[in-house]
Amino acid sequence: MKRSKNTNIKHRYPFKYRGSIFWFIVFLIIFFPIGIILGIKNGALIKDEKILYFSYRGSYGWLIFWAIIFFPISFILILINGVDVVEEPAA
């Protein structure tokens, strides 16, 4: 069976991160709550032909502060203020 060469193969990963990937991975490994907050702040999920962004309504400064001091309070802040899911068509 002969293989055909297709040079136009594009791969899409289901998660896209718009910030520094180094700090994202470091915080996911070392201090998981900060990694999750960075994922909410700069992350996007790609599903079919849509990109889904997360938008936190509160202050990221306070959210990160409480994640460092006592991380259950940061998750309570996320629940109180809410996280919006913004849907955008993929380009």
N, C-alpha and C. Protein backbone atom coordinates (compact mmCIF):
# COMPACT_ATOMS: atom_id res chain seq x y z
N MET A 1 0.84 -1.16 0.00
CA MET A 1 0.00 0.00 0.00
C MET A 1 0.90 1.24 0.00
N LYS A 2 0.64 2.14 -0.89
CA LYS A 2 1.46 3.33 -1.04
C LYS A 2 0.91 4.46 -0.17
N ARG A 3 1.82 5.14 0.52
CA ARG A 3 1.42 6.27 1.36
C ARG A 3 1.47 7.55 0.55
N SER A 4 0.50 8.38 0.76
CA SER A 4 0.52 9.69 0.11
C SER A 4 1.03 10.73 1.10
N LYS A 5 1.75 11.68 0.60
CA LYS A 5 2.30 12.73 1.45
C LYS A 5 1.30 13.87 1.54
N ASN A 6 0.87 14.13 2.75
CA ASN A 6 -0.04 15.24 2.99
C ASN A 6 0.67 16.21 3.92
N THR A 7 1.07 17.34 3.37
CA THR A 7 1.83 18.30 4.17
C THR A 7 0.94 19.31 4.88
N ASN A 8 -0.35 19.25 4.68
CA ASN A 8 -1.25 20.22 5.27
C ASN A 8 -2.00 19.66 6.48
N ILE A 9 -1.34 18.87 7.27
CA ILE A 9 -1.97 18.31 8.46
C ILE A 9 -1.85 19.33 9.59
N LYS A 10 -3.00 19.66 10.19
CA LYS A 10 -3.02 20.60 11.31
C LYS A 10 -3.54 19.89 12.54
N HIS A 11 -2.86 20.09 13.63
CA HIS A 11 -3.28 19.50 14.89
C HIS A 11 -3.85 20.59 15.79
N ARG A 12 -4.93 20.25 16.45
CA ARG A 12 -5.52 21.16 17.43
C ARG A 12 -5.54 20.46 18.78
N TYR A 13 -5.00 21.14 19.76
CA TYR A 13 -5.04 20.61 21.11
C TYR A 13 -6.26 21.17 21.82
N PRO A 14 -6.86 20.43 22.75
CA PRO A 14 -8.11 20.88 23.36
C PRO A 14 -7.94 22.02 24.37
N PHE A 15 -6.71 22.36 24.74
CA PHE A 15 -6.49 23.44 25.70
C PHE A 15 -5.45 24.39 25.14
N LYS A 16 -5.74 25.69 25.18
CA LYS A 16 -4.81 26.70 24.72
C LYS A 16 -4.55 27.66 25.88
N TYR A 17 -3.29 28.01 26.10
CA TYR A 17 -2.92 28.91 27.20
C TYR A 17 -2.26 30.14 26.60
N ARG A 18 -2.75 31.33 26.95
CA ARG A 18 -2.27 32.58 26.36
C ARG A 18 -1.17 33.26 27.17
N GLY A 19 -0.80 32.72 28.31
CA GLY A 19 0.23 33.33 29.15
C GLY A 19 1.55 32.58 29.04
N SER A 20 2.38 32.74 30.06
CA SER A 20 3.66 32.05 30.12
C SER A 20 3.42 30.58 30.50
N ILE A 21 3.66 29.70 29.58
CA ILE A 21 3.43 28.27 29.81
C ILE A 21 4.37 27.73 30.89
N PHE A 22 5.56 28.31 31.01
CA PHE A 22 6.51 27.89 32.03
C PHE A 22 5.93 28.07 33.43
N TRP A 23 5.43 29.28 33.74
CA TRP A 23 4.87 29.54 35.07
C TRP A 23 3.60 28.73 35.32
N PHE A 24 2.83 28.53 34.29
CA PHE A 24 1.62 27.73 34.42
C PHE A 24 1.95 26.30 34.86
N ILE A 25 2.93 25.68 34.21
CA ILE A 25 3.32 24.31 34.55
C ILE A 25 3.99 24.26 35.92
N VAL A 26 4.84 25.25 36.23
CA VAL A 26 5.50 25.28 37.54
C VAL A 26 4.47 25.36 38.66
N PHE A 27 3.48 26.25 38.52
CA PHE A 27 2.48 26.39 39.57
C PHE A 27 1.53 25.20 39.62
N LEU A 28 1.26 24.56 38.50
CA LEU A 28 0.45 23.34 38.55
C LEU A 28 1.14 22.24 39.33
N ILE A 29 2.46 22.16 39.19
CA ILE A 29 3.21 21.12 39.89
C ILE A 29 3.46 21.48 41.35
N ILE A 30 3.91 22.72 41.61
CA ILE A 30 4.31 23.10 42.96
C ILE A 30 3.12 23.51 43.83
N PHE A 31 2.26 24.40 43.33
CA PHE A 31 1.14 24.89 44.13
C PHE A 31 -0.10 24.92 43.25
N PHE A 32 -0.85 23.84 43.32
CA PHE A 32 -1.98 23.59 42.43
C PHE A 32 -3.05 24.70 42.40
N PRO A 33 -3.45 25.30 43.53
CA PRO A 33 -4.49 26.35 43.46
C PRO A 33 -4.10 27.54 42.59
N ILE A 34 -2.86 27.98 42.65
CA ILE A 34 -2.42 29.09 41.79
C ILE A 34 -2.43 28.66 40.33
N GLY A 35 -2.06 27.42 40.05
CA GLY A 35 -2.11 26.91 38.68
C GLY A 35 -3.52 26.89 38.13
N ILE A 36 -4.49 26.52 38.95
CA ILE A 36 -5.89 26.54 38.52
C ILE A 36 -6.35 27.96 38.23
N ILE A 37 -5.97 28.91 39.09
CA ILE A 37 -6.36 30.30 38.88
C ILE A 37 -5.72 30.84 37.60
N LEU A 38 -4.46 30.51 37.34
CA LEU A 38 -3.82 30.92 36.09
C LEU A 38 -4.51 30.29 34.88
N GLY A 39 -4.96 29.04 35.03
CA GLY A 39 -5.70 28.39 33.95
C GLY A 39 -7.02 29.07 33.66
N ILE A 40 -7.71 29.53 34.71
CA ILE A 40 -8.96 30.27 34.52
C ILE A 40 -8.69 31.62 33.88
N LYS A 41 -7.60 32.27 34.30
CA LYS A 41 -7.30 33.61 33.81
C LYS A 41 -6.85 33.62 32.34
N ASN A 42 -5.99 32.71 31.95
CA ASN A 42 -5.39 32.75 30.62
C ASN A 42 -5.71 31.55 29.74
N GLY A 43 -6.51 30.62 30.22
CA GLY A 43 -6.76 29.40 29.47
C GLY A 43 -7.99 29.47 28.57
N ALA A 44 -8.02 28.59 27.61
CA ALA A 44 -9.16 28.47 26.70
C ALA A 44 -9.30 27.01 26.30
N LEU A 45 -10.52 26.55 26.24
CA LEU A 45 -10.82 25.20 25.77
C LEU A 45 -11.28 25.26 24.33
N ILE A 46 -10.80 24.33 23.51
CA ILE A 46 -11.20 24.29 22.11
C ILE A 46 -12.04 23.03 21.91
N LYS A 47 -13.28 23.24 21.46
CA LYS A 47 -14.18 22.13 21.23
C LYS A 47 -14.87 22.34 19.89
N ASP A 48 -14.74 21.38 19.02
CA ASP A 48 -15.28 21.45 17.65
C ASP A 48 -14.80 22.73 16.98
N GLU A 49 -15.68 23.61 16.63
CA GLU A 49 -15.30 24.88 15.99
C GLU A 49 -15.54 26.05 16.92
N LYS A 50 -15.44 25.82 18.23
CA LYS A 50 -15.65 26.88 19.21
C LYS A 50 -14.47 26.96 20.17
N ILE A 51 -14.20 28.18 20.63
CA ILE A 51 -13.20 28.41 21.66
C ILE A 51 -13.94 28.93 22.88
N LEU A 52 -13.73 28.30 24.03
CA LEU A 52 -14.40 28.68 25.26
C LEU A 52 -13.39 29.28 26.23
N TYR A 53 -13.59 30.56 26.57
CA TYR A 53 -12.73 31.25 27.53
C TYR A 53 -13.47 31.35 28.86
N PHE A 54 -12.71 31.41 29.95
CA PHE A 54 -13.28 31.62 31.27
C PHE A 54 -12.99 33.06 31.68
N SER A 55 -14.00 33.73 32.19
CA SER A 55 -13.85 35.11 32.61
C SER A 55 -14.33 35.25 34.05
N TYR A 56 -13.41 35.55 34.96
CA TYR A 56 -13.73 35.73 36.38
C TYR A 56 -14.18 37.17 36.58
N ARG A 57 -15.26 37.38 37.30
CA ARG A 57 -15.84 38.72 37.47
C ARG A 57 -15.15 39.54 38.56
N GLY A 58 -14.43 38.92 39.44
CA GLY A 58 -13.81 39.63 40.55
C GLY A 58 -12.38 40.04 40.27
N SER A 59 -11.67 40.40 41.33
CA SER A 59 -10.28 40.82 41.24
C SER A 59 -9.35 39.60 41.30
N TYR A 60 -8.48 39.49 40.31
CA TYR A 60 -7.51 38.39 40.31
C TYR A 60 -6.46 38.58 41.40
N GLY A 61 -6.20 39.81 41.78
CA GLY A 61 -5.24 40.07 42.85
C GLY A 61 -5.69 39.46 44.17
N TRP A 62 -6.95 39.70 44.54
CA TRP A 62 -7.48 39.11 45.77
C TRP A 62 -7.60 37.60 45.66
N LEU A 63 -7.95 37.14 44.49
CA LEU A 63 -8.09 35.70 44.29
C LEU A 63 -6.75 34.98 44.50
N ILE A 64 -5.69 35.53 43.94
CA ILE A 64 -4.36 34.93 44.10
C ILE A 64 -3.87 35.10 45.54
N PHE A 65 -4.15 36.26 46.16
CA PHE A 65 -3.78 36.48 47.56
C PHE A 65 -4.39 35.40 48.45
N TRP A 66 -5.69 35.15 48.31
CA TRP A 66 -6.34 34.16 49.15
C TRP A 66 -5.93 32.74 48.79
N ALA A 67 -5.56 32.51 47.55
CA ALA A 67 -5.05 31.18 47.18
C ALA A 67 -3.72 30.90 47.86
N ILE A 68 -2.90 31.94 48.03
CA ILE A 68 -1.62 31.76 48.70
C ILE A 68 -1.81 31.60 50.21
N ILE A 69 -2.65 32.44 50.82
CA ILE A 69 -2.85 32.43 52.27
C ILE A 69 -3.65 31.21 52.72
N PHE A 70 -4.85 31.03 52.16
CA PHE A 70 -5.74 29.94 52.57
C PHE A 70 -6.64 29.64 51.37
N PHE A 71 -6.24 28.64 50.57
CA PHE A 71 -6.85 28.45 49.26
C PHE A 71 -8.34 28.11 49.24
N PRO A 72 -8.96 27.53 50.29
CA PRO A 72 -10.42 27.33 50.19
C PRO A 72 -11.20 28.64 50.07
N ILE A 73 -10.67 29.73 50.62
CA ILE A 73 -11.36 31.01 50.48
C ILE A 73 -11.36 31.47 49.03
N SER A 74 -10.30 31.17 48.28
CA SER A 74 -10.27 31.56 46.87
C SER A 74 -11.33 30.81 46.07
N PHE A 75 -11.58 29.55 46.40
CA PHE A 75 -12.63 28.82 45.70
C PHE A 75 -14.02 29.33 46.09
N ILE A 76 -14.15 29.80 47.34
CA ILE A 76 -15.41 30.43 47.75
C ILE A 76 -15.61 31.73 46.98
N LEU A 77 -14.54 32.51 46.76
CA LEU A 77 -14.64 33.73 45.96
C LEU A 77 -15.06 33.42 44.53
N ILE A 78 -14.53 32.35 43.96
CA ILE A 78 -14.93 31.96 42.61
C ILE A 78 -16.41 31.60 42.57
N LEU A 79 -16.88 30.90 43.59
CA LEU A 79 -18.30 30.54 43.63
C LEU A 79 -19.20 31.76 43.84
N ILE A 80 -18.77 32.71 44.67
CA ILE A 80 -19.59 33.90 44.94
C ILE A 80 -19.61 34.84 43.73
N ASN A 81 -18.45 35.17 43.19
CA ASN A 81 -18.38 36.13 42.08
C ASN A 81 -18.74 35.52 40.74
N GLY A 82 -18.47 34.26 40.58
CA GLY A 82 -18.83 33.57 39.35
C GLY A 82 -17.77 33.63 38.28
N VAL A 83 -17.81 32.65 37.43
CA VAL A 83 -16.93 32.57 36.27
C VAL A 83 -17.83 32.45 35.05
N ASP A 84 -17.67 33.38 34.12
CA ASP A 84 -18.45 33.34 32.88
C ASP A 84 -17.71 32.50 31.85
N VAL A 85 -18.47 31.80 31.04
CA VAL A 85 -17.89 31.06 29.92
C VAL A 85 -18.22 31.84 28.65
N VAL A 86 -17.18 32.34 28.01
CA VAL A 86 -17.34 33.14 26.80
C VAL A 86 -17.07 32.26 25.60
N GLU A 87 -18.03 32.18 24.70
CA GLU A 87 -17.91 31.30 23.52
C GLU A 87 -17.57 32.16 22.30
N GLU A 88 -16.60 31.67 21.53
CA GLU A 88 -16.14 32.39 20.36
C GLU A 88 -15.89 31.40 19.23
N PRO A 89 -16.24 31.74 18.00
CA PRO A 89 -15.95 30.80 16.90
C PRO A 89 -14.45 30.71 16.64
N ALA A 90 -13.99 29.50 16.33
CA ALA A 90 -12.56 29.29 16.05
C ALA A 90 -12.23 29.85 14.68
N ALA A 91 -11.04 30.42 14.58
CA ALA A 91 -10.64 31.01 13.30
C ALA A 91 -9.87 30.03 12.46
